[in-house]
PDB file of N, CA and C in Angstrom:
ATOM      1  N   MET A   1     107.618 168.794-141.166  1.00  0.00           N
ATOM      2  CA  MET A   1     107.879 167.535-140.394  1.00  0.00           C
ATOM      3  C   MET A   1     108.963 166.776-140.925  1.00  0.00           C
ATOM      4  N   ILE A   2     110.131 166.156-140.418  1.00  0.00           N
ATOM      5  CA  ILE A   2     111.005 165.481-140.822  1.00  0.00           C
ATOM      6  C   ILE A   2     110.469 164.179-141.861  1.00  0.00           C
ATOM      7  N   GLU A   3     111.044 163.979-142.838  1.00  0.00           N
ATOM      8  CA  GLU A   3     110.842 162.756-143.543  1.00  0.00           C
ATOM      9  C   GLU A   3     110.845 161.459-142.858  1.00  0.00           C
ATOM     10  N   GLY A   4     110.018 160.596-142.814  1.00  0.00           N
ATOM     11  CA  GLY A   4     110.023 159.428-141.972  1.00  0.00           C
ATOM     12  C   GLY A   4     109.277 159.407-140.519  1.00  0.00           C
ATOM     13  N   PHE A   5     108.982 161.016-140.503  1.00  0.00           N
ATOM     14  CA  PHE A   5     108.542 160.975-139.026  1.00  0.00           C
ATOM     15  C   PHE A   5     107.285 161.579-139.231  1.00  0.00           C
ATOM     16  N   GLU A   6     106.314 161.208-139.857  1.00  0.00           N
ATOM     17  CA  GLU A   6     105.237 161.891-140.617  1.00  0.00           C
ATOM     18  C   GLU A   6     104.269 162.020-139.285  1.00  0.00           C
ATOM     19  N   GLU A   7     104.197 161.027-138.415  1.00  0.00           N
ATOM     20  CA  GLU A   7     103.247 160.889-137.300  1.00  0.00           C
ATOM     21  C   GLU A   7     104.055 160.724-135.980  1.00  0.00           C
ATOM     22  N   ILE A   8     104.292 161.352-134.905  1.00  0.00           N
ATOM     23  CA  ILE A   8     104.758 161.043-133.648  1.00  0.00           C
ATOM     24  C   ILE A   8     103.625 161.013-132.834  1.00  0.00           C
ATOM     25  N   MET A   9     103.694 160.140-131.779  1.00  0.00           N
ATOM     26  CA  MET A   9     102.404 160.034-130.740  1.00  0.00           C
ATOM     27  C   MET A   9     102.976 160.042-129.521  1.00  0.00           C
ATOM     28  N   THR A  10     102.064 160.221-128.603  1.00  0.00           N
ATOM     29  CA  THR A  10     102.391 160.260-127.351  1.00  0.00           C
ATOM     30  C   THR A  10     101.793 158.732-126.672  1.00  0.00           C
ATOM     31  N   HIS A  11     102.040 158.532-125.246  1.00  0.00           N
ATOM     32  CA  HIS A  11     101.819 157.560-125.007  1.00  0.00           C
ATOM     33  C   HIS A  11     100.227 157.358-124.997  1.00  0.00           C
ATOM     34  N   GLN A  12      99.343 158.254-124.620  1.00  0.00           N
ATOM     35  CA  GLN A  12      98.090 158.282-124.831  1.00  0.00           C
ATOM     36  C   GLN A  12      97.410 157.967-126.028  1.00  0.00           C
ATOM     37  N   GLU A  13      98.218 158.649-127.042  1.00  0.00           N
ATOM     38  CA  GLU A  13      97.831 158.434-128.576  1.00  0.00           C
ATOM     39  C   GLU A  13      98.203 156.867-129.055  1.00  0.00           C
ATOM     40  N   THR A  14      99.101 156.405-128.477  1.00  0.00           N
ATOM     41  CA  THR A  14      99.745 155.220-129.029  1.00  0.00           C
ATOM     42  C   THR A  14      98.837 154.285-128.359  1.00  0.00           C
ATOM     43  N   ALA A  15      98.368 154.359-127.089  1.00  0.00           N
ATOM     44  CA  ALA A  15      97.568 153.384-126.104  1.00  0.00           C
ATOM     45  C   ALA A  15      96.197 153.335-127.077  1.00  0.00           C
ATOM     46  N   LYS A  16      95.596 154.505-127.554  1.00  0.00           N
ATOM     47  CA  LYS A  16      94.354 154.429-128.257  1.00  0.00           C
ATOM     48  C   LYS A  16      94.479 153.738-129.462  1.00  0.00           C
ATOM     49  N   TYR A  17      95.584 154.159-130.303  1.00  0.00           N
ATOM     50  CA  TYR A  17      95.909 153.501-131.709  1.00  0.00           C
ATOM     51  C   TYR A  17      96.066 151.805-131.315  1.00  0.00           C
ATOM     52  N   LEU A  18      96.858 151.257-130.322  1.00  0.00           N
ATOM     53  CA  LEU A  18      96.960 149.910-129.969  1.00  0.00           C
ATOM     54  C   LEU A  18      95.522 149.258-129.544  1.00  0.00           C
ATOM     55  N   THR A  19      94.702 150.257-129.178  1.00  0.00           N
ATOM     56  CA  THR A  19      93.773 149.802-128.116  1.00  0.00           C
ATOM     57  C   THR A  19      93.926 149.016-126.928  1.00  0.00           C
ATOM     58  N   ILE A  20      94.834 149.609-126.283  1.00  0.00           N
ATOM     59  CA  ILE A  20      95.245 149.028-124.854  1.00  0.00           C
ATOM     60  C   ILE A  20      95.279 150.120-123.929  1.00  0.00           C
ATOM     61  N   GLY A  21      95.307 149.821-122.485  1.00  0.00           N
ATOM     62  CA  GLY A  21      95.081 150.836-121.649  1.00  0.00           C
ATOM     63  C   GLY A  21      96.612 151.796-121.615  1.00  0.00           C
ATOM     64  N   LYS A  22      96.598 152.981-121.171  1.00  0.00           N
ATOM     65  CA  LYS A  22      97.592 153.896-121.198  1.00  0.00           C
ATOM     66  C   LYS A  22      98.890 153.475-120.340  1.00  0.00           C
ATOM     67  N   SER A  23      98.578 152.713-118.967  1.00  0.00           N
ATOM     68  CA  SER A  23      99.476 152.102-118.229  1.00  0.00           C
ATOM     69  C   SER A  23     100.320 150.895-119.051  1.00  0.00           C
ATOM     70  N   LEU A  24      99.439 150.263-119.514  1.00  0.00           N
ATOM     71  CA  LEU A  24     100.257 149.282-120.401  1.00  0.00           C
ATOM     72  C   LEU A  24     101.448 149.812-121.367  1.00  0.00           C
ATOM     73  N   SER A  25     100.783 150.846-122.103  1.00  0.00           N
ATOM     74  CA  SER A  25     101.441 151.453-122.936  1.00  0.00           C
ATOM     75  C   SER A  25     102.745 151.962-122.287  1.00  0.00           C
ATOM     76  N   TYR A  26     102.638 152.601-121.068  1.00  0.00           N
ATOM     77  CA  TYR A  26     103.855 153.332-120.660  1.00  0.00           C
ATOM     78  C   TYR A  26     104.733 151.828-119.858  1.00  0.00           C
ATOM     79  N   LYS A  27     104.234 150.898-119.621  1.00  0.00           N
ATOM     80  CA  LYS A  27     105.179 149.636-119.091  1.00  0.00           C
ATOM     81  C   LYS A  27     105.761 149.080-120.390  1.00  0.00           C
ATOM     82  N   MET A  28     105.438 149.028-121.711  1.00  0.00           N
ATOM     83  CA  MET A  28     106.061 148.487-122.764  1.00  0.00           C
ATOM     84  C   MET A  28     106.793 149.416-123.076  1.00  0.00           C
ATOM     85  N   GLY A  29     106.804 150.727-122.990  1.00  0.00           N
ATOM     86  CA  GLY A  29     107.868 151.466-123.312  1.00  0.00           C
ATOM     87  C   GLY A  29     108.897 151.594-122.512  1.00  0.00           C
ATOM     88  N   LYS A  30     108.700 151.595-121.321  1.00  0.00           N
ATOM     89  CA  LYS A  30     109.653 151.465-120.336  1.00  0.00           C
ATOM     90  C   LYS A  30     110.475 150.081-120.388  1.00  0.00           C
ATOM     91  N   GLY A  31     109.868 149.111-120.626  1.00  0.00           N
ATOM     92  CA  GLY A  31     110.413 148.076-120.898  1.00  0.00           C
ATOM     93  C   GLY A  31     111.167 147.727-122.055  1.00  0.00           C
ATOM     94  N   ARG A  32     111.246 148.545-123.162  1.00  0.00           N
ATOM     95  CA  ARG A  32     111.651 148.756-124.403  1.00  0.00           C
ATOM     96  C   ARG A  32     110.933 147.476-125.182  1.00  0.00           C
ATOM     97  N   LYS A  33     109.752 147.022-124.698  1.00  0.00           N
ATOM     98  CA  LYS A  33     108.944 146.354-125.744  1.00  0.00           C
ATOM     99  C   LYS A  33     108.460 146.842-126.890  1.00  0.00           C
ATOM    100  N   ASN A  34     108.331 147.983-127.133  1.00  0.00           N
ATOM    101  CA  ASN A  34     107.804 148.402-128.359  1.00  0.00           C
ATOM    102  C   ASN A  34     108.913 149.815-128.779  1.00  0.00           C
ATOM    103  N   PRO A  35     108.702 150.080-130.073  1.00  0.00           N
ATOM    104  CA  PRO A  35     109.620 151.220-130.438  1.00  0.00           C
ATOM    105  C   PRO A  35     109.253 152.457-130.100  1.00  0.00           C
ATOM    106  N   ALA A  36     110.188 152.708-129.017  1.00  0.00           N
ATOM    107  CA  ALA A  36     109.627 154.361-128.441  1.00  0.00           C
ATOM    108  C   ALA A  36     111.159 155.138-128.564  1.00  0.00           C
ATOM    109  N   VAL A  37     110.855 156.375-128.323  1.00  0.00           N
ATOM    110  CA  VAL A  37     112.146 157.244-128.135  1.00  0.00           C
ATOM    111  C   VAL A  37     111.846 158.085-127.149  1.00  0.00           C
ATOM    112  N   LYS A  38     112.738 158.364-125.931  1.00  0.00           N
ATOM    113  CA  LYS A  38     112.562 159.226-124.854  1.00  0.00           C
ATOM    114  C   LYS A  38     113.235 160.370-125.269  1.00  0.00           C
ATOM    115  N   ILE A  39     112.612 161.675-125.326  1.00  0.00           N
ATOM    116  CA  ILE A  39     112.685 162.934-125.742  1.00  0.00           C
ATOM    117  C   ILE A  39     112.740 163.874-124.462  1.00  0.00           C
ATOM    118  N   ALA A  40     113.716 164.423-123.786  1.00  0.00           N
ATOM    119  CA  ALA A  40     113.909 164.761-122.425  1.00  0.00           C
ATOM    120  C   ALA A  40     113.284 163.855-121.482  1.00  0.00           C
ATOM    121  N   ASN A  41     111.947 164.036-121.061  1.00  0.00           N
ATOM    122  CA  ASN A  41     111.411 163.133-120.014  1.00  0.00           C
ATOM    123  C   ASN A  41     110.083 162.375-120.281  1.00  0.00           C
ATOM    124  N   GLN A  42     110.096 162.435-121.781  1.00  0.00           N
ATOM    125  CA  GLN A  42     108.850 161.805-122.109  1.00  0.00           C
ATOM    126  C   GLN A  42     109.086 161.032-123.277  1.00  0.00           C
ATOM    127  N   TRP A  43     108.295 159.812-123.423  1.00  0.00           N
ATOM    128  CA  TRP A  43     108.389 158.838-124.377  1.00  0.00           C
ATOM    129  C   TRP A  43     107.478 159.497-125.683  1.00  0.00           C
ATOM    130  N   ARG A  44     108.037 158.963-126.794  1.00  0.00           N
ATOM    131  CA  ARG A  44     107.173 159.611-127.935  1.00  0.00           C
ATOM    132  C   ARG A  44     107.604 157.983-128.924  1.00  0.00           C
ATOM    133  N   PHE A  45     106.385 157.950-129.691  1.00  0.00           N
ATOM    134  CA  PHE A  45     106.325 156.799-130.709  1.00  0.00           C
ATOM    135  C   PHE A  45     106.047 157.222-132.072  1.00  0.00           C
ATOM    136  N   ILE A  46     106.835 156.459-132.994  1.00  0.00           N
ATOM    137  CA  ILE A  46     106.434 157.063-134.662  1.00  0.00           C
ATOM    138  C   ILE A  46     105.725 155.973-134.857  1.00  0.00           C
ATOM    139  N   LYS A  47     104.687 156.584-135.478  1.00  0.00           N
ATOM    140  CA  LYS A  47     103.467 155.578-135.958  1.00  0.00           C
ATOM    141  C   LYS A  47     104.116 154.308-136.698  1.00  0.00           C
ATOM    142  N   GLU A  48     104.937 155.006-138.050  1.00  0.00           N
ATOM    143  CA  GLU A  48     105.500 153.983-138.890  1.00  0.00           C
ATOM    144  C   GLU A  48     106.082 152.646-138.162  1.00  0.00           C
ATOM    145  N   ASP A  49     106.823 153.243-137.113  1.00  0.00           N
ATOM    146  CA  ASP A  49     107.675 152.234-136.349  1.00  0.00           C
ATOM    147  C   ASP A  49     106.800 151.088-135.511  1.00  0.00           C
ATOM    148  N   ILE A  50     105.793 151.676-135.040  1.00  0.00           N
ATOM    149  CA  ILE A  50     104.697 150.889-134.288  1.00  0.00           C
ATOM    150  C   ILE A  50     103.968 149.819-135.327  1.00  0.00           C
ATOM    151  N   ASP A  51     103.749 150.525-136.830  1.00  0.00           N
ATOM    152  CA  ASP A  51     103.047 149.419-137.444  1.00  0.00           C
ATOM    153  C   ASP A  51     103.990 148.310-137.979  1.00  0.00           C
ATOM    154  N   ARG A  52     105.459 148.773-138.167  1.00  0.00           N
ATOM    155  CA  ARG A  52     106.325 147.817-138.543  1.00  0.00           C
ATOM    156  C   ARG A  52     106.407 146.913-137.386  1.00  0.00           C
ATOM    157  N   TRP A  53     106.609 147.389-136.090  1.00  0.00           N
ATOM    158  CA  TRP A  53     106.670 146.253-135.027  1.00  0.00           C
ATOM    159  C   TRP A  53     105.398 145.313-134.907  1.00  0.00           C
ATOM    160  N   LEU A  54     104.485 145.876-135.133  1.00  0.00           N
ATOM    161  CA  LEU A  54     103.251 144.893-135.136  1.00  0.00           C
ATOM    162  C   LEU A  54     103.308 143.966-136.131  1.00  0.00           C
ATOM    163  N   GLN A  55     103.628 144.279-137.223  1.00  0.00           N
ATOM    164  CA  GLN A  55     103.706 143.421-138.401  1.00  0.00           C
ATOM    165  C   GLN A  55     104.947 142.320-137.988  1.00  0.00           C
ATOM    166  N   GLU A  56     105.847 142.704-137.482  1.00  0.00           N
ATOM    167  CA  GLU A  56     106.980 141.655-136.953  1.00  0.00           C
ATOM    168  C   GLU A  56     106.376 140.783-136.249  1.00  0.00           C
ATOM    169  N   ILE A  57     105.626 141.180-135.213  1.00  0.00           N
ATOM    170  CA  ILE A  57     105.218 140.441-134.206  1.00  0.00           C
ATOM    171  C   ILE A  57     104.320 139.381-135.058  1.00  0.00           C
ATOM    172  N   ARG A  58     103.299 139.867-135.961  1.00  0.00           N
ATOM    173  CA  ARG A  58     102.175 139.074-136.996  1.00  0.00           C
ATOM    174  C   ARG A  58     103.072 137.997-137.537  1.00  0.00           C
ATOM    175  N   ASN A  59     104.021 138.341-138.034  1.00  0.00           N
ATOM    176  CA  ASN A  59     105.031 137.316-139.007  1.00  0.00           C
ATOM    177  C   ASN A  59     105.640 136.314-138.275  1.00  0.00           C
ATOM    178  N   LYS A  60     105.949 136.670-136.961  1.00  0.00           N
ATOM    179  CA  LYS A  60     106.394 135.602-135.642  1.00  0.00           C
ATOM    180  C   LYS A  60     105.625 134.680-135.546  1.00  0.00           C
ATOM    181  N   GLU A  61     104.198 134.976-135.340  1.00  0.00           N
ATOM    182  CA  GLU A  61     103.452 134.223-134.778  1.00  0.00           C
ATOM    183  C   GLU A  61     102.842 133.387-135.993  1.00  0.00           C
ATOM    184  N   ILE A  62     102.953 134.009-137.483  1.00  0.00           N
ATOM    185  CA  ILE A  62     102.509 133.150-138.416  1.00  0.00           C
ATOM    186  C   ILE A  62     103.476 131.895-138.763  1.00  0.00           C
ATOM    187  N   VAL A  63     104.669 132.251-138.393  1.00  0.00           N
ATOM    188  CA  VAL A  63     105.815 131.446-138.502  1.00  0.00           C
ATOM    189  C   VAL A  63     105.480 130.137-137.681  1.00  0.00           C
ATOM    190  N   SER A  64     105.467 130.555-136.365  1.00  0.00           N
ATOM    191  CA  SER A  64     105.273 129.657-135.111  1.00  0.00           C
ATOM    192  C   SER A  64     103.903 128.894-135.269  1.00  0.00           C
ATOM    193  N   ASN A  65     103.100 129.532-135.769  1.00  0.00           N
ATOM    194  CA  ASN A  65     101.731 128.589-136.143  1.00  0.00           C
ATOM    195  C   ASN A  65     102.010 127.520-137.039  1.00  0.00           C
ATOM    196  N   LYS A  66     102.767 127.944-138.228  1.00  0.00           N
ATOM    197  CA  LYS A  66     103.313 126.939-139.386  1.00  0.00           C
ATOM    198  C   LYS A  66     103.956 125.789-138.535  1.00  0.00           C
ATOM    199  N   GLU A  67     104.754 126.208-137.820  1.00  0.00           N
ATOM    200  CA  GLU A  67     105.990 124.993-137.220  1.00  0.00           C
ATOM    201  C   GLU A  67     105.330 124.214-136.402  1.00  0.00           C
ATOM    202  N   LYS A  68     103.869 124.274-135.884  1.00  0.00           N
ATOM    203  CA  LYS A  68     102.969 123.290-134.950  1.00  0.00           C
ATOM    204  C   LYS A  68     102.524 122.349-135.765  1.00  0.00           C
TER     205      LYS A  68
END
């Protein structure tokens, strides 16, 4: 496996990891709302990128809540 790409996930695996529906995972990938890479005609997700993306969202929410 290439360094930094320890776990590459499909839409189905990403949806399960995020506990969301597969169709929502597709919409998020297509709308570029989450970190995804299109290879040939299929989207792939790197678990570490998803984790980092989730942490960024969480950090923004924490800052937003502190400003209220």
